[in-house]
């Protein structure tokens, strides 16, 4: 899954989909898509990510108490 960093528009490939959809995880492992070489995975804050279309991530992916 590809997401985008809010601050600079860089694309990020999410390594583990379960991390991004879990509201209990505040960070995910992702590979920044820069250049032709595949980058090493790094921890990225979920709050700093959006969909490439510009939409925010669903609240149920970010907030464990979203139903309250």
PDB file of N, CA and C in Angstrom:
ATOM      1  N   UNK A   1       0.854  -1.171   0.000  1.00  0.00           N
ATOM      2  CA  UNK A   1       0.000   0.000   0.000  1.00  0.00           C
ATOM      3  C   UNK A   1       0.900   1.234   0.000  1.00  0.00           C
ATOM      4  N   UNK A   2       0.574   2.192  -0.847  1.00  0.00           N
ATOM      5  CA  UNK A   2       1.312   3.445  -0.893  1.00  0.00           C
ATOM      6  C   UNK A   2       0.517   4.549  -0.210  1.00  0.00           C
ATOM      7  N   UNK A   3       1.185   5.267   0.677  1.00  0.00           N
ATOM      8  CA  UNK A   3       0.624   6.455   1.298  1.00  0.00           C
ATOM      9  C   UNK A   3       1.576   7.604   1.028  1.00  0.00           C
ATOM     10  N   UNK A   4       1.222   8.777   1.501  1.00  0.00           N
ATOM     11  CA  UNK A   4       2.013   9.975   1.211  1.00  0.00           C
ATOM     12  C   UNK A   4       2.266  10.734   2.510  1.00  0.00           C
ATOM     13  N   UNK A   5       3.476  11.286   2.637  1.00  0.00           N
ATOM     14  CA  UNK A   5       3.779  12.132   3.791  1.00  0.00           C
ATOM     15  C   UNK A   5       3.094  13.475   3.603  1.00  0.00           C
ATOM     16  N   UNK A   6       2.450  13.981   4.670  1.00  0.00           N
ATOM     17  CA  UNK A   6       1.735  15.260   4.606  1.00  0.00           C
ATOM     18  C   UNK A   6       2.664  16.426   4.327  1.00  0.00           C
ATOM     19  N   UNK A   7       3.829  16.428   4.971  1.00  0.00           N
ATOM     20  CA  UNK A   7       4.696  17.607   4.929  1.00  0.00           C
ATOM     21  C   UNK A   7       5.392  17.839   3.598  1.00  0.00           C
ATOM     22  N   UNK A   8       5.783  16.760   2.902  1.00  0.00           N
ATOM     23  CA  UNK A   8       6.537  16.983   1.668  1.00  0.00           C
ATOM     24  C   UNK A   8       6.015  16.212   0.449  1.00  0.00           C
ATOM     25  N   UNK A   9       4.949  15.421   0.625  1.00  0.00           N
ATOM     26  CA  UNK A   9       4.357  14.714  -0.510  1.00  0.00           C
ATOM     27  C   UNK A   9       5.091  13.470  -0.953  1.00  0.00           C
ATOM     28  N   UNK A  10       6.103  13.037  -0.209  1.00  0.00           N
ATOM     29  CA  UNK A  10       6.860  11.843  -0.556  1.00  0.00           C
ATOM     30  C   UNK A  10       5.997  10.602  -0.397  1.00  0.00           C
ATOM     31  N   UNK A  11       6.067   9.699  -1.364  1.00  0.00           N
ATOM     32  CA  UNK A  11       5.328   8.445  -1.273  1.00  0.00           C
ATOM     33  C   UNK A  11       6.046   7.483  -0.338  1.00  0.00           C
ATOM     34  N   UNK A  12       5.248   6.717   0.415  1.00  0.00           N
ATOM     35  CA  UNK A  12       5.769   5.743   1.375  1.00  0.00           C
ATOM     36  C   UNK A  12       5.063   4.420   1.134  1.00  0.00           C
ATOM     37  N   UNK A  13       5.844   3.357   0.939  1.00  0.00           N
ATOM     38  CA  UNK A  13       5.271   2.018   0.812  1.00  0.00           C
ATOM     39  C   UNK A  13       5.158   1.431   2.209  1.00  0.00           C
ATOM     40  N   UNK A  14       3.957   1.060   2.622  1.00  0.00           N
ATOM     41  CA  UNK A  14       3.732   0.480   3.933  1.00  0.00           C
ATOM     42  C   UNK A  14       4.144  -0.986   3.884  1.00  0.00           C
ATOM     43  N   UNK A  15       5.018  -1.391   4.814  1.00  0.00           N
ATOM     44  CA  UNK A  15       5.553  -2.748   4.828  1.00  0.00           C
ATOM     45  C   UNK A  15       4.527  -3.754   5.331  1.00  0.00           C
ATOM     46  N   UNK A  16       3.817  -3.421   6.418  1.00  0.00           N
ATOM     47  CA  UNK A  16       2.853  -4.339   7.027  1.00  0.00           C
ATOM     48  C   UNK A  16       1.486  -3.656   7.116  1.00  0.00           C
ATOM     49  N   UNK A  17       0.544  -4.130   6.340  1.00  0.00           N
ATOM     50  CA  UNK A  17      -0.794  -3.534   6.292  1.00  0.00           C
ATOM     51  C   UNK A  17      -1.477  -3.597   7.661  1.00  0.00           C
ATOM     52  N   UNK A  18      -1.233  -4.655   8.431  1.00  0.00           N
ATOM     53  CA  UNK A  18      -1.854  -4.783   9.751  1.00  0.00           C
ATOM     54  C   UNK A  18      -1.468  -3.629  10.671  1.00  0.00           C
ATOM     55  N   UNK A  19      -0.257  -3.098  10.547  1.00  0.00           N
ATOM     56  CA  UNK A  19       0.166  -1.965  11.374  1.00  0.00           C
ATOM     57  C   UNK A  19      -0.632  -0.707  11.044  1.00  0.00           C
ATOM     58  N   UNK A  20      -0.886  -0.476   9.776  1.00  0.00           N
ATOM     59  CA  UNK A  20      -1.570   0.763   9.391  1.00  0.00           C
ATOM     60  C   UNK A  20      -3.040   0.741   9.809  1.00  0.00           C
ATOM     61  N   UNK A  21      -3.679  -0.426   9.809  1.00  0.00           N
ATOM     62  CA  UNK A  21      -5.098  -0.463  10.156  1.00  0.00           C
ATOM     63  C   UNK A  21      -5.335  -0.642  11.654  1.00  0.00           C
ATOM     64  N   UNK A  22      -4.299  -0.941  12.418  1.00  0.00           N
ATOM     65  CA  UNK A  22      -4.444  -1.118  13.863  1.00  0.00           C
ATOM     66  C   UNK A  22      -4.439   0.243  14.567  1.00  0.00           C
ATOM     67  N   UNK A  23      -5.531   0.603  15.252  1.00  0.00           N
ATOM     68  CA  UNK A  23      -5.572   1.896  15.936  1.00  0.00           C
ATOM     69  C   UNK A  23      -4.653   1.958  17.149  1.00  0.00           C
ATOM     70  N   UNK A  24      -4.115   0.813  17.589  1.00  0.00           N
ATOM     71  CA  UNK A  24      -3.218   0.780  18.742  1.00  0.00           C
ATOM     72  C   UNK A  24      -1.769   1.062  18.370  1.00  0.00           C
ATOM     73  N   UNK A  25      -1.478   1.131  17.090  1.00  0.00           N
ATOM     74  CA  UNK A  25      -0.129   1.436  16.607  1.00  0.00           C
ATOM     75  C   UNK A  25      -0.054   2.908  16.219  1.00  0.00           C
ATOM     76  N   UNK A  26       0.897   3.644  16.784  1.00  0.00           N
ATOM     77  CA  UNK A  26       1.049   5.054  16.405  1.00  0.00           C
ATOM     78  C   UNK A  26       2.082   5.235  15.294  1.00  0.00           C
ATOM     79  N   UNK A  27       2.882   4.194  15.064  1.00  0.00           N
ATOM     80  CA  UNK A  27       3.894   4.229  14.011  1.00  0.00           C
ATOM     81  C   UNK A  27       3.766   2.994  13.129  1.00  0.00           C
ATOM     82  N   UNK A  28       4.249   3.116  11.910  1.00  0.00           N
ATOM     83  CA  UNK A  28       4.259   1.985  10.975  1.00  0.00           C
ATOM     84  C   UNK A  28       5.636   1.883  10.343  1.00  0.00           C
ATOM     85  N   UNK A  29       5.965   0.690   9.865  1.00  0.00           N
ATOM     86  CA  UNK A  29       7.194   0.509   9.101  1.00  0.00           C
ATOM     87  C   UNK A  29       6.882   0.843   7.649  1.00  0.00           C
ATOM     88  N   UNK A  30       7.695   1.704   7.065  1.00  0.00           N
ATOM     89  CA  UNK A  30       7.477   2.085   5.684  1.00  0.00           C
ATOM     90  C   UNK A  30       8.778   2.336   4.960  1.00  0.00           C
ATOM     91  N   UNK A  31       8.721   2.227   3.647  1.00  0.00           N
ATOM     92  CA  UNK A  31       9.886   2.517   2.801  1.00  0.00           C
ATOM     93  C   UNK A  31       9.582   3.773   1.994  1.00  0.00           C
ATOM     94  N   UNK A  32      10.364   4.795   2.201  1.00  0.00           N
ATOM     95  CA  UNK A  32      10.212   6.021   1.434  1.00  0.00           C
ATOM     96  C   UNK A  32      10.592   5.725  -0.012  1.00  0.00           C
ATOM     97  N   UNK A  33       9.769   6.168  -0.941  1.00  0.00           N
ATOM     98  CA  UNK A  33      10.010   5.937  -2.359  1.00  0.00           C
ATOM     99  C   UNK A  33      10.782   7.127  -2.925  1.00  0.00           C
ATOM    100  N   UNK A  34      12.110   6.993  -2.923  1.00  0.00           N
ATOM    101  CA  UNK A  34      12.983   8.068  -3.400  1.00  0.00           C
ATOM    102  C   UNK A  34      14.088   7.458  -4.249  1.00  0.00           C
ATOM    103  N   UNK A  35      14.202   7.906  -5.463  1.00  0.00           N
ATOM    104  CA  UNK A  35      15.238   7.388  -6.344  1.00  0.00           C
ATOM    105  C   UNK A  35      14.906   6.005  -6.871  1.00  0.00           C
ATOM    106  N   UNK A  36      15.901   5.389  -7.491  1.00  0.00           N
ATOM    107  CA  UNK A  36      15.690   4.084  -8.098  1.00  0.00           C
ATOM    108  C   UNK A  36      16.000   2.941  -7.140  1.00  0.00           C
ATOM    109  N   UNK A  37      16.820   3.190  -6.133  1.00  0.00           N
ATOM    110  CA  UNK A  37      17.178   2.170  -5.156  1.00  0.00           C
ATOM    111  C   UNK A  37      16.074   2.025  -4.119  1.00  0.00           C
ATOM    112  N   UNK A  38      15.778   0.781  -3.735  1.00  0.00           N
ATOM    113  CA  UNK A  38      14.787   0.578  -2.674  1.00  0.00           C
ATOM    114  C   UNK A  38      15.411   1.006  -1.348  1.00  0.00           C
ATOM    115  N   UNK A  39      14.693   1.828  -0.613  1.00  0.00           N
ATOM    116  CA  UNK A  39      15.181   2.370   0.648  1.00  0.00           C
ATOM    117  C   UNK A  39      14.942   1.373   1.781  1.00  0.00           C
ATOM    118  N   UNK A  40      15.722   1.505   2.848  1.00  0.00           N
ATOM    119  CA  UNK A  40      15.531   0.674   4.029  1.00  0.00           C
ATOM    120  C   UNK A  40      14.246   1.086   4.735  1.00  0.00           C
ATOM    121  N   UNK A  41      13.545   0.117   5.346  1.00  0.00           N
ATOM    122  CA  UNK A  41      12.332   0.457   6.098  1.00  0.00           C
ATOM    123  C   UNK A  41      12.668   1.346   7.299  1.00  0.00           C
ATOM    124  N   UNK A  42      11.753   2.236   7.631  1.00  0.00           N
ATOM    125  CA  UNK A  42      11.928   3.105   8.790  1.00  0.00           C
ATOM    126  C   UNK A  42      10.574   3.293   9.467  1.00  0.00           C
ATOM    127  N   UNK A  43      10.605   3.668  10.751  1.00  0.00           N
ATOM    128  CA  UNK A  43       9.375   3.920  11.505  1.00  0.00           C
ATOM    129  C   UNK A  43       8.849   5.299  11.118  1.00  0.00           C
ATOM    130  N   UNK A  44       7.555   5.374  10.838  1.00  0.00           N
ATOM    131  CA  UNK A  44       6.918   6.622  10.424  1.00  0.00           C
ATOM    132  C   UNK A  44       5.645   6.804  11.242  1.00  0.00           C
ATOM    133  N   UNK A  45       5.433   8.009  11.753  1.00  0.00           N
ATOM    134  CA  UNK A  45       4.231   8.316  12.519  1.00  0.00           C
ATOM    135  C   UNK A  45       3.007   8.259  11.603  1.00  0.00           C
ATOM    136  N   UNK A  46       1.957   7.580  12.052  1.00  0.00           N
ATOM    137  CA  UNK A  46       0.730   7.500  11.253  1.00  0.00           C
ATOM    138  C   UNK A  46       0.111   8.882  11.045  1.00  0.00           C
ATOM    139  N   UNK A  47       0.214   9.743  12.050  1.00  0.00           N
ATOM    140  CA  UNK A  47      -0.378  11.080  11.962  1.00  0.00           C
ATOM    141  C   UNK A  47       0.205  11.898  10.818  1.00  0.00           C
ATOM    142  N   UNK A  48       1.405  11.521  10.349  1.00  0.00           N
ATOM    143  CA  UNK A  48       2.049  12.282   9.280  1.00  0.00           C
ATOM    144  C   UNK A  48       1.723  11.738   7.888  1.00  0.00           C
ATOM    145  N   UNK A  49       0.811  10.757   7.801  1.00  0.00           N
ATOM    146  CA  UNK A  49       0.499  10.120   6.519  1.00  0.00           C
ATOM    147  C   UNK A  49      -0.927  10.430   6.060  1.00  0.00           C
ATOM    148  N   UNK A  50      -1.084  10.502   4.743  1.00  0.00           N
ATOM    149  CA  UNK A  50      -2.387  10.651   4.098  1.00  0.00           C
ATOM    150  C   UNK A  50      -2.403   9.738   2.871  1.00  0.00           C
ATOM    151  N   UNK A  51      -3.569   9.565   2.284  1.00  0.00           N
ATOM    152  CA  UNK A  51      -3.653   8.839   1.019  1.00  0.00           C
ATOM    153  C   UNK A  51      -3.104   9.733  -0.098  1.00  0.00           C
ATOM    154  N   UNK A  52      -2.575   9.152  -1.177  1.00  0.00           N
ATOM    155  CA  UNK A  52      -2.065   9.955  -2.287  1.00  0.00           C
ATOM    156  C   UNK A  52      -3.111  10.900  -2.888  1.00  0.00           C
ATOM    157  N   UNK A  53      -4.388  10.600  -2.706  1.00  0.00           N
ATOM    158  CA  UNK A  53      -5.450  11.469  -3.217  1.00  0.00           C
ATOM    159  C   UNK A  53      -5.634  12.721  -2.362  1.00  0.00           C
ATOM    160  N   UNK A  54      -4.957  12.755  -1.196  1.00  0.00           N
ATOM    161  CA  UNK A  54      -5.068  13.894  -0.298  1.00  0.00           C
ATOM    162  C   UNK A  54      -6.017  13.671   0.864  1.00  0.00           C
ATOM    163  N   UNK A  55      -6.706  12.529   0.868  1.00  0.00           N
ATOM    164  CA  UNK A  55      -7.642  12.214   1.952  1.00  0.00           C
ATOM    165  C   UNK A  55      -6.879  11.764   3.193  1.00  0.00           C
ATOM    166  N   UNK A  56      -7.429  12.092   4.353  1.00  0.00           N
ATOM    167  CA  UNK A  56      -6.852  11.647   5.617  1.00  0.00           C
ATOM    168  C   UNK A  56      -7.107  10.156   5.805  1.00  0.00           C
ATOM    169  N   UNK A  57      -6.300   9.544   6.674  1.00  0.00           N
ATOM    170  CA  UNK A  57      -6.533   8.150   7.018  1.00  0.00           C
ATOM    171  C   UNK A  57      -7.820   8.052   7.829  1.00  0.00           C
ATOM    172  N   UNK A  58      -8.538   6.943   7.735  1.00  0.00           N
ATOM    173  CA  UNK A  58      -9.763   6.781   8.523  1.00  0.00           C
ATOM    174  C   UNK A  58      -9.468   6.884  10.019  1.00  0.00           C
ATOM    175  N   UNK A  59     -10.368   7.496  10.739  1.00  0.00           N
ATOM    176  CA  UNK A  59     -10.184   7.693  12.181  1.00  0.00           C
ATOM    177  C   UNK A  59     -10.021   6.357  12.911  1.00  0.00           C
ATOM    178  N   UNK A  60     -10.691   5.311  12.442  1.00  0.00           N
ATOM    179  CA  UNK A  60     -10.603   4.002  13.089  1.00  0.00           C
ATOM    180  C   UNK A  60      -9.217   3.368  12.921  1.00  0.00           C
ATOM    181  N   UNK A  61      -8.376   3.891  12.053  1.00  0.00           N
ATOM    182  CA  UNK A  61      -6.999   3.416  11.903  1.00  0.00           C
ATOM    183  C   UNK A  61      -6.061   4.140  12.857  1.00  0.00           C
ATOM    184  N   UNK A  62      -6.473   5.298  13.360  1.00  0.00           N
ATOM    185  CA  UNK A  62      -5.592   6.159  14.159  1.00  0.00           C
ATOM    186  C   UNK A  62      -5.992   6.213  15.622  1.00  0.00           C
ATOM    187  N   UNK A  63      -7.282   6.269  15.904  1.00  0.00           N
ATOM    188  CA  UNK A  63      -7.793   6.500  17.258  1.00  0.00           C
ATOM    189  C   UNK A  63      -8.451   5.229  17.802  1.00  0.00           C
ATOM    190  N   UNK A  64      -7.836   4.629  18.834  1.00  0.00           N
ATOM    191  CA  UNK A  64      -8.380   3.404  19.438  1.00  0.00           C
ATOM    192  C   UNK A  64      -9.740   3.638  20.088  1.00  0.00           C
ATOM    193  N   UNK A  65     -10.042   4.876  20.480  1.00  0.00           N
ATOM    194  CA  UNK A  65     -11.316   5.203  21.116  1.00  0.00           C
ATOM    195  C   UNK A  65     -12.271   5.894  20.157  1.00  0.00           C
ATOM    196  N   UNK A  66     -12.200   5.586  18.886  1.00  0.00           N
ATOM    197  CA  UNK A  66     -13.010   6.299  17.885  1.00  0.00           C
ATOM    198  C   UNK A  66     -14.509   6.093  18.056  1.00  0.00           C
ATOM    199  N   UNK A  67     -14.931   5.033  18.723  1.00  0.00           N
ATOM    200  CA  UNK A  67     -16.364   4.779  18.874  1.00  0.00           C
ATOM    201  C   UNK A  67     -16.983   5.525  20.042  1.00  0.00           C
ATOM    202  N   UNK A  68     -16.159   6.131  20.892  1.00  0.00           N
ATOM    203  CA  UNK A  68     -16.692   6.835  22.076  1.00  0.00           C
ATOM    204  C   UNK A  68     -17.061   8.257  21.740  1.00  0.00           C
TER     205      UNK A  68
END
